[in-house]
Amino acid sequence: MVIGIDLGGTKVRAGVAKNGIIENEKQQLVKSKGTQSETLDQLKELIRTLMVPGIAGIGLGVPSVVDAEKGIVYDVVNIPSWKRVPLKDILEETFSVPVAVNNDSNCFALGEARFGRLKDFRNAVGMTSGTGLGTGVIVKGELYSGTNCGAGELGLIAYKEHNIEYYASGNFFGSLHGVSAIKAHDLALGGDKQALGWWEEFGAHMGHAVKTAMYAYDPEAIAIGGSLSKAFRLFEDSMRRSLADFAYPESIRKLKIFQSVNENITLLGAAALIDLRKPI
């Protein structure tokens, strides 16, 4: 059994991974404006509620640049006090079990590769659209993080007046249309034509993100998760239509695109960091 943790800027989710299933899942709002000590204490207390005999390690996904070998996280999104935190050393000293840390999008991709929609593919990409746009990369069946754990930061590539993330995340609805993605989803489900148009436009931007992933990594399959993936059916058609101008039509014909269906897949991926037995 391994504790898997998904530490976001607004909430933290954790649970015990056992045989590909998350048990005793818990979540809390993060004391994001607290001091480093306050937020670390909150994380430790959450872990203590899950520590039972037989726990073999702790794996964490964090929205930041990570020194995965040393377990140091830098400039964590929405937690200003976490500039440089040696998370692995701190938690190993506290709980006396192995600890592994990686970027949260990488944990999503690893979870899909081990337990989800990508497990039948050697080369794949996991893409999460929510507050931001994150990407994790699987190469020859293994998680590829790059030198600085930033191999999948496709959202930061320039696109139109901003970058891909600006248009292919919840920011698209808030900044361009003055409405939350949740509200836009509810309106569209109710048949609102304007909201349906927003999701069609969003799908075209997600298509650009998919094409960027294809040019960069040429995967066999892409799994799309994150909170906005719940609206997958509202943007899937326009996303796929936008792939028509891809330079290599045969590659697009072969590409599989899936909606993530396991809400605990990032926790499973975080827990799987412990099983890799080597720096990522």
C-alpha atoms as a PDB file:
ATOM      1  CA  MET A   1       0.000   0.000   0.000  1.00  0.00           C
ATOM      2  CA  VAL A   2       1.202   3.489  -0.909  1.00  0.00           C
ATOM      3  CA  ILE A   3      -0.242   6.892  -0.064  1.00  0.00           C
ATOM      4  CA  GLY A   4      -0.888   8.958  -3.192  1.00  0.00           C
ATOM      5  CA  ILE A   5      -1.286  12.723  -2.913  1.00  0.00           C
ATOM      6  CA  ASP A   6      -2.409  15.334  -5.445  1.00  0.00           C
ATOM      7  CA  LEU A   7      -1.433  18.719  -4.009  1.00  0.00           C
ATOM      8  CA  GLY A   8      -3.121  21.550  -5.860  1.00  0.00           C
ATOM      9  CA  GLY A   9      -3.023  25.268  -5.260  1.00  0.00           C
ATOM     10  CA  THR A  10      -6.559  25.289  -3.836  1.00  0.00           C
ATOM     11  CA  LYS A  11      -7.120  21.764  -2.529  1.00  0.00           C
ATOM     12  CA  VAL A  12      -5.195  18.647  -1.647  1.00  0.00           C
ATOM     13  CA  ARG A  13      -6.485  15.112  -2.289  1.00  0.00           C
ATOM     14  CA  ALA A  14      -4.970  11.961  -0.841  1.00  0.00           C
ATOM     15  CA  GLY A  15      -5.732   8.282  -0.471  1.00  0.00           C
ATOM     16  CA  VAL A  16      -4.215   4.840  -0.092  1.00  0.00           C
ATOM     17  CA  ALA A  17      -3.449   2.996  -3.332  1.00  0.00           C
ATOM     18  CA  LYS A  18      -3.962  -0.751  -3.151  1.00  0.00           C
ATOM     19  CA  ASN A  19      -4.204  -3.045  -6.182  1.00  0.00           C
ATOM     20  CA  GLY A  20      -4.962  -0.170  -8.556  1.00  0.00           C
ATOM     21  CA  ILE A  21      -7.734   1.268  -6.378  1.00  0.00           C
ATOM     22  CA  ILE A  22      -7.749   4.307  -4.084  1.00  0.00           C
ATOM     23  CA  GLU A  23      -9.109   3.628  -0.617  1.00  0.00           C
ATOM     24  CA  ASN A  24      -9.970   6.099   2.156  1.00  0.00           C
ATOM     25  CA  GLU A  25      -9.813   9.107  -0.191  1.00  0.00           C
ATOM     26  CA  LYS A  26      -9.730  12.478   1.569  1.00  0.00           C
ATOM     27  CA  GLN A  27      -9.567  16.085   0.429  1.00  0.00           C
ATOM     28  CA  GLN A  28      -9.120  19.484   2.042  1.00  0.00           C
ATOM     29  CA  LEU A  29      -8.815  23.093   1.024  1.00  0.00           C
ATOM     30  CA  VAL A  30      -5.154  24.115   1.083  1.00  0.00           C
ATOM     31  CA  LYS A  31      -4.059  26.882   3.415  1.00  0.00           C
ATOM     32  CA  SER A  32      -2.504  28.427   0.340  1.00  0.00           C
ATOM     33  CA  LYS A  33      -1.809  31.834   1.891  1.00  0.00           C
ATOM     34  CA  GLY A  34      -0.219  30.360   4.989  1.00  0.00           C
ATOM     35  CA  THR A  35       3.454  30.188   5.798  1.00  0.00           C
ATOM     36  CA  GLN A  36       5.556  27.307   4.559  1.00  0.00           C
ATOM     37  CA  SER A  37       5.403  25.730   8.008  1.00  0.00           C
ATOM     38  CA  GLU A  38       1.607  26.068   8.195  1.00  0.00           C
ATOM     39  CA  THR A  39       1.008  24.421   4.831  1.00  0.00           C
ATOM     40  CA  LEU A  40       3.535  21.679   5.549  1.00  0.00           C
ATOM     41  CA  ASP A  41       1.877  20.999   8.902  1.00  0.00           C
ATOM     42  CA  GLN A  42      -1.493  20.709   7.148  1.00  0.00           C
ATOM     43  CA  LEU A  43      -0.030  18.204   4.674  1.00  0.00           C
ATOM     44  CA  LYS A  44       1.581  16.168   7.460  1.00  0.00           C
ATOM     45  CA  GLU A  45      -1.658  16.008   9.427  1.00  0.00           C
ATOM     46  CA  LEU A  46      -3.504  14.758   6.368  1.00  0.00           C
ATOM     47  CA  ILE A  47      -0.878  12.071   5.793  1.00  0.00           C
ATOM     48  CA  ARG A  48      -1.111  10.978   9.445  1.00  0.00           C
ATOM     49  CA  THR A  49      -4.794  10.181   8.966  1.00  0.00           C
ATOM     50  CA  LEU A  50      -3.785   7.690   6.245  1.00  0.00           C
ATOM     51  CA  MET A  51      -0.712   6.125   7.854  1.00  0.00           C
ATOM     52  CA  VAL A  52      -1.541   2.546   8.786  1.00  0.00           C
ATOM     53  CA  PRO A  53       0.661  -0.544   9.173  1.00  0.00           C
ATOM     54  CA  GLY A  54       1.820  -1.715   5.761  1.00  0.00           C
ATOM     55  CA  ILE A  55       2.239   1.690   4.108  1.00  0.00           C
ATOM     56  CA  ALA A  56       5.311   1.286   1.874  1.00  0.00           C
ATOM     57  CA  GLY A  57       5.777   4.894   0.779  1.00  0.00           C
ATOM     58  CA  ILE A  58       4.293   8.249  -0.138  1.00  0.00           C
ATOM     59  CA  GLY A  59       4.037   9.634  -3.682  1.00  0.00           C
ATOM     60  CA  LEU A  60       3.113  13.238  -4.376  1.00  0.00           C
ATOM     61  CA  GLY A  61       2.095  15.195  -7.452  1.00  0.00           C
ATOM     62  CA  VAL A  62       2.708  18.933  -7.113  1.00  0.00           C
ATOM     63  CA  PRO A  63       1.906  21.776  -9.579  1.00  0.00           C
ATOM     64  CA  SER A  64       5.445  23.048  -9.911  1.00  0.00           C
ATOM     65  CA  VAL A  65       8.899  22.470 -11.293  1.00  0.00           C
ATOM     66  CA  VAL A  66      10.331  19.513  -9.387  1.00  0.00           C
ATOM     67  CA  ASP A  67      13.800  18.123  -8.867  1.00  0.00           C
ATOM     68  CA  ALA A  68      12.389  14.607  -8.964  1.00  0.00           C
ATOM     69  CA  GLU A  69      15.630  12.911  -7.919  1.00  0.00           C
ATOM     70  CA  LYS A  70      16.071  15.039  -4.794  1.00  0.00           C
ATOM     71  CA  GLY A  71      12.373  15.635  -4.213  1.00  0.00           C
ATOM     72  CA  ILE A  72      12.649  19.430  -4.118  1.00  0.00           C
ATOM     73  CA  VAL A  73       9.716  21.517  -5.355  1.00  0.00           C
ATOM     74  CA  TYR A  74      10.070  25.079  -6.621  1.00  0.00           C
ATOM     75  CA  ASP A  75       7.569  27.958  -6.926  1.00  0.00           C
ATOM     76  CA  VAL A  76       4.418  25.911  -6.334  1.00  0.00           C
ATOM     77  CA  VAL A  77       1.404  27.344  -8.160  1.00  0.00           C
ATOM     78  CA  ASN A  78      -0.913  29.320  -5.834  1.00  0.00           C
ATOM     79  CA  ILE A  79       1.147  28.572  -2.701  1.00  0.00           C
ATOM     80  CA  PRO A  80       3.408  31.660  -2.523  1.00  0.00           C
ATOM     81  CA  SER A  81       5.403  30.458   0.494  1.00  0.00           C
ATOM     82  CA  TRP A  82       6.643  27.367  -1.329  1.00  0.00           C
ATOM     83  CA  LYS A  83       9.609  28.798  -3.224  1.00  0.00           C
ATOM     84  CA  ARG A  84      12.025  25.936  -2.568  1.00  0.00           C
ATOM     85  CA  VAL A  85      10.805  23.072  -0.418  1.00  0.00           C
ATOM     86  CA  PRO A  86      12.826  19.843   0.058  1.00  0.00           C
ATOM     87  CA  LEU A  87       9.592  17.886   0.343  1.00  0.00           C
ATOM     88  CA  LYS A  88      11.090  14.420   0.029  1.00  0.00           C
ATOM     89  CA  ASP A  89      13.555  14.943   2.895  1.00  0.00           C
ATOM     90  CA  ILE A  90      10.965  16.600   5.127  1.00  0.00           C
ATOM     91  CA  LEU A  91       8.389  13.829   4.741  1.00  0.00           C
ATOM     92  CA  GLU A  92      10.884  10.965   4.902  1.00  0.00           C
ATOM     93  CA  GLU A  93      12.222  12.357   8.172  1.00  0.00           C
ATOM     94  CA  THR A  94       8.676  12.693   9.548  1.00  0.00           C
ATOM     95  CA  PHE A  95       7.201   9.353   8.455  1.00  0.00           C
ATOM     96  CA  SER A  96      10.233   7.074   7.938  1.00  0.00           C
ATOM     97  CA  VAL A  97       9.021   5.678   4.594  1.00  0.00           C
ATOM     98  CA  PRO A  98      10.282   6.351   1.039  1.00  0.00           C
ATOM     99  CA  VAL A  99       8.860   9.496  -0.591  1.00  0.00           C
ATOM    100  CA  ALA A 100       8.751  10.355  -4.309  1.00  0.00           C
ATOM    101  CA  VAL A 101       7.698  13.699  -5.800  1.00  0.00           C
ATOM    102  CA  ASN A 102       6.870  14.751  -9.337  1.00  0.00           C
ATOM    103  CA  ASN A 103       4.776  17.254 -11.269  1.00  0.00           C
ATOM    104  CA  ASP A 104       1.018  16.674 -10.948  1.00  0.00           C
ATOM    105  CA  SER A 105       0.452  16.417 -14.719  1.00  0.00           C
ATOM    106  CA  ASN A 106       3.184  13.796 -14.912  1.00  0.00           C
ATOM    107  CA  CYS A 107       1.386  11.856 -12.175  1.00  0.00           C
ATOM    108  CA  PHE A 108      -1.833  12.043 -14.209  1.00  0.00           C
ATOM    109  CA  ALA A 109      -0.064  10.622 -17.280  1.00  0.00           C
ATOM    110  CA  LEU A 110       1.637   7.911 -15.236  1.00  0.00           C
ATOM    111  CA  GLY A 111      -1.673   6.947 -13.648  1.00  0.00           C
ATOM    112  CA  GLU A 112      -3.341   6.650 -17.038  1.00  0.00           C
ATOM    113  CA  ALA A 113      -0.386   4.642 -18.357  1.00  0.00           C
ATOM    114  CA  ARG A 114      -0.397   2.180 -15.447  1.00  0.00           C
ATOM    115  CA  PHE A 115      -4.096   1.934 -14.611  1.00  0.00           C
ATOM    116  CA  GLY A 116      -6.192   3.868 -17.122  1.00  0.00           C
ATOM    117  CA  ARG A 117      -6.900   4.741 -20.727  1.00  0.00           C
ATOM    118  CA  LEU A 118      -3.235   4.714 -21.831  1.00  0.00           C
ATOM    119  CA  LYS A 119      -2.143   1.348 -20.426  1.00  0.00           C
ATOM    120  CA  ASP A 120      -2.201  -0.343 -23.852  1.00  0.00           C
ATOM    121  CA  PHE A 121       0.145   2.216 -25.462  1.00  0.00           C
ATOM    122  CA  ARG A 122       3.919   2.609 -25.383  1.00  0.00           C
ATOM    123  CA  ASN A 123       4.036   6.278 -26.405  1.00  0.00           C
ATOM    124  CA  ALA A 124       1.293   8.508 -25.044  1.00  0.00           C
ATOM    125  CA  VAL A 125       0.397  11.886 -23.578  1.00  0.00           C
ATOM    126  CA  GLY A 126      -1.818  12.760 -20.627  1.00  0.00           C
ATOM    127  CA  MET A 127      -3.315  16.249 -20.835  1.00  0.00           C
ATOM    128  CA  THR A 128      -5.179  17.963 -17.992  1.00  0.00           C
ATOM    129  CA  SER A 129      -7.352  21.023 -18.543  1.00  0.00           C
ATOM    130  CA  GLY A 130      -8.595  22.855 -15.480  1.00  0.00           C
ATOM    131  CA  THR A 131      -7.306  26.034 -13.892  1.00  0.00           C
ATOM    132  CA  GLY A 132      -4.368  25.598 -16.257  1.00  0.00           C
ATOM    133  CA  LEU A 133      -3.234  23.173 -18.944  1.00  0.00           C
ATOM    134  CA  GLY A 134      -0.774  20.465 -17.968  1.00  0.00           C
ATOM    135  CA  THR A 135       0.794  17.657 -19.971  1.00  0.00           C
ATOM    136  CA  GLY A 136       2.651  14.502 -19.005  1.00  0.00           C
ATOM    137  CA  VAL A 137       4.582  12.353 -21.468  1.00  0.00           C
ATOM    138  CA  ILE A 138       5.013   8.584 -21.660  1.00  0.00           C
ATOM    139  CA  VAL A 139       7.862   7.354 -23.902  1.00  0.00           C
ATOM    140  CA  LYS A 140       8.402   3.624 -24.484  1.00  0.00           C
ATOM    141  CA  GLY A 141       6.158   2.866 -21.524  1.00  0.00           C
ATOM    142  CA  GLU A 142       8.055   5.094 -19.100  1.00  0.00           C
ATOM    143  CA  LEU A 143       7.317   8.551 -17.735  1.00  0.00           C
ATOM    144  CA  TYR A 144       9.519  11.154 -19.420  1.00  0.00           C
ATOM    145  CA  SER A 145      10.000  14.249 -17.279  1.00  0.00           C
ATOM    146  CA  GLY A 146      12.910  15.967 -19.027  1.00  0.00           C
ATOM    147  CA  THR A 147      15.890  17.540 -17.305  1.00  0.00           C
ATOM    148  CA  ASN A 148      13.902  19.918 -15.070  1.00  0.00           C
ATOM    149  CA  CYS A 149      10.597  18.023 -14.890  1.00  0.00           C
ATOM    150  CA  GLY A 150       9.179  20.375 -17.501  1.00  0.00           C
ATOM    151  CA  ALA A 151       8.994  18.157 -20.581  1.00  0.00           C
ATOM    152  CA  GLY A 152       5.230  18.537 -20.920  1.00  0.00           C
ATOM    153  CA  GLU A 153       4.756  22.268 -20.411  1.00  0.00           C
ATOM    154  CA  LEU A 154       3.056  22.723 -23.778  1.00  0.00           C
ATOM    155  CA  GLY A 155       0.555  25.165 -22.314  1.00  0.00           C
ATOM    156  CA  LEU A 156       3.246  27.820 -22.021  1.00  0.00           C
ATOM    157  CA  ILE A 157       4.031  27.814 -25.746  1.00  0.00           C
ATOM    158  CA  ALA A 158       3.013  31.065 -27.457  1.00  0.00           C
ATOM    159  CA  TYR A 159      -0.354  30.929 -29.238  1.00  0.00           C
ATOM    160  CA  LYS A 160      -2.412  33.795 -30.633  1.00  0.00           C
ATOM    161  CA  GLU A 161      -2.140  36.809 -28.285  1.00  0.00           C
ATOM    162  CA  HIS A 162      -1.107  34.753 -25.235  1.00  0.00           C
ATOM    163  CA  ASN A 163      -0.206  31.063 -24.896  1.00  0.00           C
ATOM    164  CA  ILE A 164      -1.952  27.728 -25.348  1.00  0.00           C
ATOM    165  CA  GLU A 165      -2.949  27.492 -21.698  1.00  0.00           C
ATOM    166  CA  TYR A 166      -4.796  30.820 -21.878  1.00  0.00           C
ATOM    167  CA  TYR A 167      -7.195  29.389 -24.470  1.00  0.00           C
ATOM    168  CA  ALA A 168      -7.256  25.676 -23.531  1.00  0.00           C
ATOM    169  CA  SER A 169      -8.109  25.904 -19.828  1.00  0.00           C
ATOM    170  CA  GLY A 170     -10.732  27.424 -17.573  1.00  0.00           C
ATOM    171  CA  ASN A 171      -9.110  30.777 -18.195  1.00  0.00           C
ATOM    172  CA  PHE A 172     -10.711  30.773 -21.661  1.00  0.00           C
ATOM    173  CA  PHE A 173     -14.153  31.127 -20.119  1.00  0.00           C
ATOM    174  CA  GLY A 174     -13.251  33.534 -17.328  1.00  0.00           C
ATOM    175  CA  SER A 175     -10.998  35.911 -19.248  1.00  0.00           C
ATOM    176  CA  LEU A 176     -12.631  35.851 -22.683  1.00  0.00           C
ATOM    177  CA  HIS A 177     -16.289  35.321 -21.813  1.00  0.00           C
ATOM    178  CA  GLY A 178     -16.632  36.477 -18.210  1.00  0.00           C
ATOM    179  CA  VAL A 179     -18.128  33.228 -16.964  1.00  0.00           C
ATOM    180  CA  SER A 180     -16.789  30.229 -15.059  1.00  0.00           C
ATOM    181  CA  ALA A 181     -16.300  26.953 -16.885  1.00  0.00           C
ATOM    182  CA  ILE A 182     -18.814  25.372 -14.499  1.00  0.00           C
ATOM    183  CA  LYS A 183     -21.446  27.958 -15.426  1.00  0.00           C
ATOM    184  CA  ALA A 184     -20.657  27.569 -19.130  1.00  0.00           C
ATOM    185  CA  HIS A 185     -21.065  23.804 -18.756  1.00  0.00           C
ATOM    186  CA  ASP A 186     -24.428  24.147 -17.006  1.00  0.00           C
ATOM    187  CA  LEU A 187     -25.688  26.608 -19.619  1.00  0.00           C
ATOM    188  CA  ALA A 188     -24.610  24.362 -22.484  1.00  0.00           C
ATOM    189  CA  LEU A 189     -26.286  21.326 -20.954  1.00  0.00           C
ATOM    190  CA  GLY A 190     -29.448  23.422 -20.807  1.00  0.00           C
ATOM    191  CA  GLY A 191     -29.215  24.104 -24.533  1.00  0.00           C
ATOM    192  CA  ASP A 192     -27.945  27.701 -24.359  1.00  0.00           C
ATOM    193  CA  LYS A 193     -26.700  28.447 -27.896  1.00  0.00           C
ATOM    194  CA  GLN A 194     -24.096  30.984 -26.815  1.00  0.00           C
ATOM    195  CA  ALA A 195     -22.591  28.560 -24.298  1.00  0.00           C
ATOM    196  CA  LEU A 196     -22.586  25.767 -26.874  1.00  0.00           C
ATOM    197  CA  GLY A 197     -20.675  28.119 -29.155  1.00  0.00           C
ATOM    198  CA  TRP A 198     -18.132  28.779 -26.412  1.00  0.00           C
ATOM    199  CA  TRP A 199     -17.461  25.067 -26.032  1.00  0.00           C
ATOM    200  CA  GLU A 200     -17.121  24.662 -29.783  1.00  0.00           C
ATOM    201  CA  GLU A 201     -14.546  27.449 -29.810  1.00  0.00           C
ATOM    202  CA  PHE A 202     -12.803  25.902 -26.809  1.00  0.00           C
ATOM    203  CA  GLY A 203     -12.600  22.606 -28.686  1.00  0.00           C
ATOM    204  CA  ALA A 204     -10.710  24.273 -31.521  1.00  0.00           C
ATOM    205  CA  HIS A 205      -8.147  25.548 -29.011  1.00  0.00           C
ATOM    206  CA  MET A 206      -7.863  22.101 -27.437  1.00  0.00           C
ATOM    207  CA  GLY A 207      -7.283  20.800 -30.944  1.00  0.00           C
ATOM    208  CA  HIS A 208      -4.314  23.142 -31.226  1.00  0.00           C
ATOM    209  CA  ALA A 209      -2.973  21.731 -27.942  1.00  0.00           C
ATOM    210  CA  VAL A 210      -3.380  18.205 -29.335  1.00  0.00           C
ATOM    211  CA  LYS A 211      -1.551  19.147 -32.547  1.00  0.00           C
ATOM    212  CA  THR A 212       1.279  20.674 -30.516  1.00  0.00           C
ATOM    213  CA  ALA A 213       1.595  17.447 -28.532  1.00  0.00           C
ATOM    214  CA  MET A 214       1.626  15.500 -31.799  1.00  0.00           C
ATOM    215  CA  TYR A 215       4.386  17.609 -33.317  1.00  0.00           C
ATOM    216  CA  ALA A 216       6.440  17.409 -30.115  1.00  0.00           C
ATOM    217  CA  TYR A 217       5.994  13.753 -29.124  1.00  0.00           C
ATOM    218  CA  ASP A 218       4.060  11.891 -31.869  1.00  0.00           C
ATOM    219  CA  PRO A 219       2.099   9.759 -29.376  1.00  0.00           C
ATOM    220  CA  GLU A 220      -0.163   6.829 -30.168  1.00  0.00           C
ATOM    221  CA  ALA A 221      -2.810   8.092 -27.765  1.00  0.00           C
ATOM    222  CA  ILE A 222      -3.805  11.111 -25.678  1.00  0.00           C
ATOM    223  CA  ALA A 223      -5.934  11.022 -22.524  1.00  0.00           C
ATOM    224  CA  ILE A 224      -7.647  14.277 -21.547  1.00  0.00           C
ATOM    225  CA  GLY A 225      -8.455  14.833 -17.884  1.00  0.00           C
ATOM    226  CA  GLY A 226      -8.865  17.702 -15.466  1.00  0.00           C
ATOM    227  CA  SER A 227     -12.089  19.417 -14.456  1.00  0.00           C
ATOM    228  CA  LEU A 228     -12.913  20.615 -17.988  1.00  0.00           C
ATOM    229  CA  SER A 229     -12.786  17.057 -19.317  1.00  0.00           C
ATOM    230  CA  LYS A 230     -16.225  16.576 -17.759  1.00  0.00           C
ATOM    231  CA  ALA A 231     -17.484  18.620 -20.734  1.00  0.00           C
ATOM    232  CA  PHE A 232     -15.651  16.397 -23.227  1.00  0.00           C
ATOM    233  CA  ARG A 233     -18.712  15.654 -25.319  1.00  0.00           C
ATOM    234  CA  LEU A 234     -19.346  19.395 -25.731  1.00  0.00           C
ATOM    235  CA  PHE A 235     -15.967  20.082 -27.326  1.00  0.00           C
ATOM    236  CA  GLU A 236     -14.878  16.721 -28.746  1.00  0.00           C
ATOM    237  CA  ASP A 237     -16.290  17.228 -32.247  1.00  0.00           C
ATOM    238  CA  SER A 238     -14.788  20.685 -32.805  1.00  0.00           C
ATOM    239  CA  MET A 239     -11.494  19.501 -31.327  1.00  0.00           C
ATOM    240  CA  ARG A 240     -11.311  16.630 -33.784  1.00  0.00           C
ATOM    241  CA  ARG A 241     -12.357  18.852 -36.713  1.00  0.00           C
ATOM    242  CA  SER A 242      -9.524  21.246 -35.913  1.00  0.00           C
ATOM    243  CA  LEU A 243      -7.026  18.412 -36.467  1.00  0.00           C
ATOM    244  CA  ALA A 244      -7.851  18.343 -40.195  1.00  0.00           C
ATOM    245  CA  ASP A 245      -5.001  20.697 -41.092  1.00  0.00           C
ATOM    246  CA  PHE A 246      -2.331  18.634 -39.298  1.00  0.00           C
ATOM    247  CA  ALA A 247       0.650  18.167 -41.593  1.00  0.00           C
ATOM    248  CA  TYR A 248       0.610  14.367 -41.348  1.00  0.00           C
ATOM    249  CA  PRO A 249      -2.963  13.092 -41.890  1.00  0.00           C
ATOM    250  CA  GLU A 250      -2.040   9.427 -41.380  1.00  0.00           C
ATOM    251  CA  SER A 251      -0.718  10.222 -37.898  1.00  0.00           C
ATOM    252  CA  ILE A 252      -4.021  11.856 -36.973  1.00  0.00           C
ATOM    253  CA  ARG A 253      -5.962   8.932 -38.429  1.00  0.00           C
ATOM    254  CA  LYS A 254      -4.087   6.553 -36.130  1.00  0.00           C
ATOM    255  CA  LEU A 255      -4.229   8.800 -33.052  1.00  0.00           C
ATOM    256  CA  LYS A 256      -6.540   7.709 -30.226  1.00  0.00           C
ATOM    257  CA  ILE A 257      -8.014  10.454 -28.012  1.00  0.00           C
ATOM    258  CA  PHE A 258      -9.745   9.455 -24.780  1.00  0.00           C
ATOM    259  CA  GLN A 259     -11.631  11.187 -22.020  1.00  0.00           C
ATOM    260  CA  SER A 260     -10.199  10.267 -18.623  1.00  0.00           C
ATOM    261  CA  VAL A 261     -12.836   8.407 -16.596  1.00  0.00           C
ATOM    262  CA  ASN A 262     -11.116   7.684 -13.258  1.00  0.00           C
ATOM    263  CA  GLU A 263     -11.293  10.632 -10.858  1.00  0.00           C
ATOM    264  CA  ASN A 264      -8.492   9.101  -8.762  1.00  0.00           C
ATOM    265  CA  ILE A 265      -6.066   8.527 -11.622  1.00  0.00           C
ATOM    266  CA  THR A 266      -3.631  11.250 -10.486  1.00  0.00           C
ATOM    267  CA  LEU A 267      -3.548   9.757  -6.980  1.00  0.00           C
ATOM    268  CA  LEU A 268      -2.778   6.357  -8.495  1.00  0.00           C
ATOM    269  CA  GLY A 269      -0.036   7.913 -10.617  1.00  0.00           C
ATOM    270  CA  ALA A 270       1.469   9.669  -7.612  1.00  0.00           C
ATOM    271  CA  ALA A 271       1.478   6.405  -5.672  1.00  0.00           C
ATOM    272  CA  ALA A 272       3.082   4.637  -8.664  1.00  0.00           C
ATOM    273  CA  LEU A 273       6.114   6.919  -8.349  1.00  0.00           C
ATOM    274  CA  ILE A 274       7.205   4.717  -5.456  1.00  0.00           C
ATOM    275  CA  ASP A 275       7.119   1.586  -7.621  1.00  0.00           C
ATOM    276  CA  LEU A 276       9.408   2.978 -10.306  1.00  0.00           C
ATOM    277  CA  ARG A 277      12.471   2.321  -8.119  1.00  0.00           C
ATOM    278  CA  LYS A 278      14.537   4.917  -9.928  1.00  0.00           C
ATOM    279  CA  PRO A 279      14.701   8.702 -10.364  1.00  0.00           C
ATOM    280  CA  ILE A 280      12.237   9.982 -12.935  1.00  0.00           C
END
